[in-house]
Amino acid sequence: MVRKPGRMYRNLAKKAYTRREYMGGVPGSKLVQFDMGNLTEEFPLELSIIVLEGCQIRHTALEATRVVINRRLQELGRANFRLKIRVYPHHILRENKQATGAGADRVSEGMRLSFGKAVGSAARVYPGQKILSVYTLTQNLEKVKDALRHGTHKLPTPSRIEITTHKVSGIRAAHVKIAEERVVAPVVTPEAAAEAAPEAEKGEKGEKAAGKPGEKVAEKGAEKGAGKPGEKGAEKGAGKPGEKGSEKAPEKGGRGEKHPEKSRG
């Protein structure tokens, strides 16, 4: 599709058209992620982008704004911020497509006030409305402001940045959930570490107490199995039975010599 100027979709001219169940084939929205960063932590600082004029913001502009801001916030670490998109592109944009190219002047006039086909979606916003918000720590104020300033360049309306402070408990969440990650690593709080320390010491003592008797039993078993029984078996197998066998062999041989004499006689 040919890129159209923004003034075709920017103004709030007609009613919102949102009944997707009656439309055949609406293009999908590029904006699919609405919460990024640390989703469980409480942050004392909130920075929001507020629009100054009412307009329609296409889903491509919202996605471009999200990408720019999220890329610059990665410098803070994923556990030190939360990015939340506050609008959704419900409104369906329609266009009466016409022939373009050389020699299409006579057939490209079309009918007046045509209904058109769905070509995209947009979010309808009004003056003073929040587009998105970033929650972070106080020391990251300047970096977040710079990231939001770059994000406002992607919007089709003038806007400003509002800073709000929140009262938080000061205790970090025991389990931190990071968006866009499969593995979630818990953060150990000072209270949890103090509770877990005595249990760990008891476990180490129990392992030591259970390990010493086992070592003694293993040493005794090894001495009995490898030392005395082995020596006795070797003496019996190599000493006395061998001597008896060697003594008896000539006797049998001597008796065997007498038989030939009897047979001769």
Protein backbone atom coordinates (compact mmCIF):
# COMPACT_ATOMS: atom_id res chain seq x y z
CA MET A 1 0.00 0.00 0.00
CA VAL A 2 1.22 3.47 -0.87
CA ARG A 3 2.21 5.63 2.10
CA LYS A 4 -0.46 8.29 2.67
CA PRO A 5 0.06 11.63 4.44
CA GLY A 6 -0.72 11.68 8.14
CA ARG A 7 -3.49 14.27 7.75
CA MET A 8 -5.72 11.57 6.22
CA TYR A 9 -5.97 9.70 9.53
CA ARG A 10 -4.96 12.25 12.17
CA ASN A 11 -8.12 14.34 12.64
CA LEU A 12 -11.11 13.31 14.75
CA ALA A 13 -13.66 13.80 11.97
CA LYS A 14 -16.27 11.06 12.42
CA LYS A 15 -17.53 8.57 14.96
CA ALA A 16 -15.33 5.72 16.08
CA TYR A 17 -15.68 2.55 13.99
CA THR A 18 -14.82 -0.39 16.23
CA ARG A 19 -17.27 -3.25 15.50
CA ARG A 20 -14.80 -5.79 14.19
CA GLU A 21 -17.35 -8.61 14.17
CA TYR A 22 -19.07 -6.98 11.19
CA MET A 23 -15.88 -6.42 9.18
CA GLY A 24 -14.26 -8.86 6.85
CA GLY A 25 -10.50 -8.93 7.35
CA VAL A 26 -9.05 -6.18 9.52
CA PRO A 27 -5.24 -5.81 9.35
CA GLY A 28 -3.52 -6.82 12.60
CA SER A 29 -2.05 -4.27 14.98
CA LYS A 30 1.72 -3.96 15.27
CA LEU A 31 1.34 -2.91 18.91
CA VAL A 32 1.25 -6.19 20.87
CA GLN A 33 3.21 -5.44 24.09
CA PHE A 34 1.72 -3.06 26.64
CA ASP A 35 3.72 -3.81 29.84
CA MET A 36 7.52 -4.07 29.90
CA GLY A 37 10.21 -4.16 32.56
CA ASN A 38 9.66 -4.98 36.24
CA LEU A 39 5.95 -5.74 36.71
CA THR A 40 5.89 -6.34 40.49
CA GLU A 41 8.08 -3.62 41.97
CA GLU A 42 6.70 -0.38 43.42
CA PHE A 43 8.55 2.68 42.12
CA PRO A 44 8.39 6.14 43.69
CA LEU A 45 8.53 8.08 40.40
CA GLU A 46 6.10 8.13 37.45
CA LEU A 47 6.74 9.96 34.16
CA SER A 48 3.91 10.17 31.61
CA ILE A 49 3.43 11.56 28.10
CA ILE A 50 0.28 13.74 27.92
CA VAL A 51 -1.14 14.91 24.56
CA LEU A 52 -2.14 18.55 24.13
CA GLU A 53 -4.48 18.11 21.14
CA GLY A 54 -7.09 15.52 20.26
CA CYS A 55 -6.17 13.23 17.38
CA GLN A 56 -5.96 9.67 16.09
CA ILE A 57 -2.64 7.87 16.60
CA ARG A 58 -2.04 4.94 14.28
CA HIS A 59 -0.82 1.61 15.64
CA THR A 60 2.46 2.04 13.73
CA ALA A 61 3.16 5.35 15.52
CA LEU A 62 2.42 3.80 18.91
CA GLU A 63 4.72 0.87 18.19
CA ALA A 64 7.51 3.21 17.02
CA THR A 65 7.15 5.24 20.23
CA ARG A 66 7.31 2.09 22.37
CA VAL A 67 10.41 0.76 20.58
CA VAL A 68 12.35 4.02 20.94
CA ILE A 69 11.56 4.45 24.63
CA ASN A 70 12.11 0.79 25.56
CA ARG A 71 15.49 0.70 23.78
CA ARG A 72 16.74 3.71 25.73
CA LEU A 73 15.41 2.39 29.04
CA GLN A 74 17.39 -0.85 28.69
CA GLU A 75 20.44 1.06 29.94
CA LEU A 76 18.81 1.22 33.39
CA GLY A 77 18.32 -2.56 33.64
CA ARG A 78 15.03 -4.39 33.29
CA ALA A 79 14.51 -4.55 37.05
CA ASN A 80 14.72 -0.76 37.49
CA PHE A 81 11.75 0.46 35.41
CA ARG A 82 8.29 -0.37 34.17
CA LEU A 83 6.84 0.85 30.88
CA LYS A 84 3.05 0.81 30.45
CA ILE A 85 1.11 1.70 27.28
CA ARG A 86 -2.22 3.28 28.30
CA VAL A 87 -4.10 3.40 24.97
CA TYR A 88 -5.25 0.75 22.50
CA PRO A 89 -5.92 1.21 18.74
CA HIS A 90 -9.65 0.32 18.72
CA HIS A 91 -10.70 2.60 15.85
CA ILE A 92 -10.61 0.98 12.38
CA LEU A 93 -9.33 3.17 9.55
CA ARG A 94 -11.04 2.85 6.15
CA GLU A 95 -9.93 3.91 2.70
CA ASN A 96 -11.53 3.86 -0.74
CA LYS A 97 -8.61 2.57 -2.78
CA GLN A 98 -8.34 4.01 -6.25
CA ALA A 99 -6.23 3.35 -9.30
CA THR A 100 -2.80 4.92 -9.28
CA GLY A 101 -0.14 5.29 -11.93
CA ALA A 102 0.20 6.89 -15.34
CA GLY A 103 -3.05 7.52 -17.25
CA ALA A 104 -5.27 6.86 -14.25
CA ASP A 105 -6.60 10.42 -13.93
CA ARG A 106 -9.96 9.67 -15.52
CA VAL A 107 -10.73 6.53 -13.45
CA SER A 108 -9.33 7.64 -10.07
CA GLU A 109 -12.01 10.20 -9.18
CA GLY A 110 -14.31 7.69 -7.47
CA MET A 111 -17.55 8.39 -5.63
CA ARG A 112 -18.03 11.00 -2.95
CA LEU A 113 -18.29 9.94 0.72
CA SER A 114 -17.46 6.31 -0.07
CA PHE A 115 -17.34 3.83 2.80
CA GLY A 116 -14.02 2.17 1.92
CA LYS A 117 -12.21 -0.90 3.21
CA ALA A 118 -10.27 -1.42 6.45
CA VAL A 119 -6.60 -0.53 6.07
CA GLY A 120 -5.40 -0.23 9.69
CA SER A 121 -6.27 0.80 13.24
CA ALA A 122 -5.72 3.85 15.42
CA ALA A 123 -6.23 5.06 18.99
CA ARG A 124 -8.46 8.10 19.50
CA VAL A 125 -6.99 10.40 22.17
CA TYR A 126 -8.18 13.70 23.64
CA PRO A 127 -6.39 16.72 25.17
CA GLY A 128 -4.89 15.96 28.58
CA GLN A 129 -4.95 12.17 28.13
CA LYS A 130 -1.97 9.98 29.09
CA ILE A 131 -0.46 7.95 26.25
CA LEU A 132 2.08 5.93 28.24
CA SER A 133 3.81 5.96 31.62
CA VAL A 134 7.22 4.94 32.93
CA TYR A 135 7.77 4.00 36.58
CA THR A 136 11.31 4.16 37.87
CA LEU A 137 13.64 5.17 40.71
CA THR A 138 14.47 8.77 41.59
CA GLN A 139 18.10 8.58 40.45
CA ASN A 140 16.97 7.64 36.90
CA LEU A 141 14.89 10.78 36.35
CA GLU A 142 17.05 12.48 33.70
CA LYS A 143 17.57 9.32 31.62
CA VAL A 144 13.85 8.55 31.57
CA LYS A 145 13.00 12.12 30.59
CA ASP A 146 15.42 11.90 27.66
CA ALA A 147 13.87 8.60 26.55
CA LEU A 148 10.34 10.04 26.65
CA ARG A 149 11.46 13.14 24.74
CA HIS A 150 12.69 10.95 21.90
CA GLY A 151 9.41 9.03 21.99
CA THR A 152 7.28 12.16 21.56
CA HIS A 153 8.92 12.76 18.15
CA LYS A 154 7.01 9.74 16.81
CA LEU A 155 3.56 11.08 17.76
CA PRO A 156 1.35 13.19 15.44
CA THR A 157 0.40 15.64 18.19
CA PRO A 158 2.25 18.05 20.49
CA SER A 159 2.72 16.62 23.97
CA ARG A 160 4.36 17.23 27.32
CA ILE A 161 5.98 15.12 30.04
CA GLU A 162 4.37 15.00 33.48
CA ILE A 163 6.26 13.85 36.60
CA THR A 164 4.39 12.35 39.55
CA THR A 165 5.71 10.96 42.84
CA HIS A 166 4.19 8.02 44.71
CA LYS A 167 4.55 6.84 48.29
CA VAL A 168 5.94 3.31 48.44
CA SER A 169 6.56 0.91 51.31
CA GLY A 170 10.32 0.68 50.67
CA ILE A 171 10.35 -3.13 50.82
CA ARG A 172 11.36 -4.82 47.60
CA ALA A 173 9.12 -7.57 46.24
CA ALA A 174 10.11 -11.08 47.26
CA HIS A 175 9.55 -12.40 43.70
CA VAL A 176 10.32 -10.06 40.83
CA LYS A 177 8.59 -10.77 37.52
CA ILE A 178 10.45 -9.43 34.51
CA ALA A 179 8.55 -9.05 31.26
CA GLU A 180 9.97 -10.61 28.07
CA GLU A 181 11.94 -13.19 30.05
CA ARG A 182 11.26 -16.90 30.63
CA VAL A 183 13.30 -17.25 33.81
CA VAL A 184 12.23 -15.11 36.78
CA ALA A 185 14.85 -14.70 39.52
CA PRO A 186 13.61 -13.83 43.04
CA VAL A 187 15.18 -10.94 44.92
CA VAL A 188 16.28 -11.82 48.47
CA THR A 189 15.11 -9.20 50.95
CA PRO A 190 17.05 -8.45 54.18
CA GLU A 191 14.20 -9.88 56.27
CA ALA A 192 14.08 -13.12 54.27
CA ALA A 193 17.87 -13.45 54.46
CA ALA A 194 17.80 -13.01 58.26
CA GLU A 195 15.12 -15.70 58.59
CA ALA A 196 16.94 -18.14 56.30
CA ALA A 197 20.35 -17.77 58.03
CA PRO A 198 19.55 -19.80 61.23
CA GLU A 199 17.97 -22.59 59.16
CA ALA A 200 21.07 -22.80 56.95
CA GLU A 201 23.35 -23.05 60.03
CA LYS A 202 21.21 -25.87 61.49
CA GLY A 203 21.38 -27.71 58.17
CA GLU A 204 25.19 -27.46 58.05
CA LYS A 205 25.51 -28.77 61.64
CA GLY A 206 23.20 -31.68 60.86
CA GLU A 207 25.27 -32.62 57.80
CA LYS A 208 28.49 -32.56 59.85
CA ALA A 209 26.96 -34.67 62.65
CA ALA A 210 25.65 -37.21 60.17
CA GLY A 211 28.89 -37.25 58.19
CA LYS A 212 31.36 -38.25 60.99
CA PRO A 213 29.72 -41.57 62.08
CA GLY A 214 29.35 -42.55 58.46
CA GLU A 215 33.04 -42.02 57.82
CA LYS A 216 34.00 -44.18 60.85
CA VAL A 217 31.70 -46.99 59.79
CA ALA A 218 33.06 -46.86 56.26
CA GLU A 219 36.67 -47.00 57.53
CA LYS A 220 35.94 -49.99 59.80
CA GLY A 221 34.16 -51.81 57.01
CA ALA A 222 37.04 -51.20 54.63
CA GLU A 223 39.60 -52.51 57.16
CA LYS A 224 37.55 -55.62 57.87
CA GLY A 225 36.80 -56.31 54.24
CA ALA A 226 40.26 -55.65 52.82
CA GLY A 227 42.65 -56.45 55.72
CA LYS A 228 42.07 -59.51 57.95
CA PRO A 229 39.70 -61.60 55.84
CA GLY A 230 41.90 -61.15 52.79
CA GLU A 231 45.01 -62.26 54.61
CA LYS A 232 43.33 -65.37 56.03
CA GLY A 233 41.94 -66.31 52.68
CA ALA A 234 45.31 -65.93 51.04
CA GLU A 235 47.01 -68.08 53.73
CA LYS A 236 44.40 -70.79 53.48
CA GLY A 237 44.37 -70.80 49.72
CA ALA A 238 48.11 -70.69 49.14
CA GLY A 239 49.73 -72.18 52.28
CA LYS A 240 48.10 -75.20 53.96
CA PRO A 241 46.04 -76.62 51.09
CA GLY A 242 49.06 -76.47 48.83
CA GLU A 243 51.24 -78.33 51.29
CA LYS A 244 48.66 -81.07 51.84
CA GLY A 245 48.23 -81.56 48.15
CA SER A 246 51.95 -81.82 47.60
CA GLU A 247 52.30 -84.40 50.40
CA LYS A 248 49.45 -86.59 49.21
CA ALA A 249 50.55 -86.62 45.60
CA PRO A 250 53.64 -88.85 46.13
CA GLU A 251 51.65 -91.30 48.26
CA LYS A 252 49.18 -91.78 45.47
CA GLY A 253 52.05 -92.07 43.08
CA GLY A 254 53.74 -94.69 45.35
CA ARG A 255 50.65 -96.81 45.55
CA GLY A 256 50.36 -96.50 41.80
CA GLU A 257 53.88 -97.96 41.44
CA LYS A 258 52.94 -101.15 43.34
CA HIS A 259 50.24 -102.11 40.86
CA PRO A 260 52.62 -102.67 37.97
CA GLU A 261 54.64 -105.03 40.17
CA LYS A 262 51.54 -107.05 41.02
CA SER A 263 50.54 -107.22 37.39
CA ARG A 264 54.03 -108.47 36.47
CA GLY A 265 54.04 -111.08 39.17
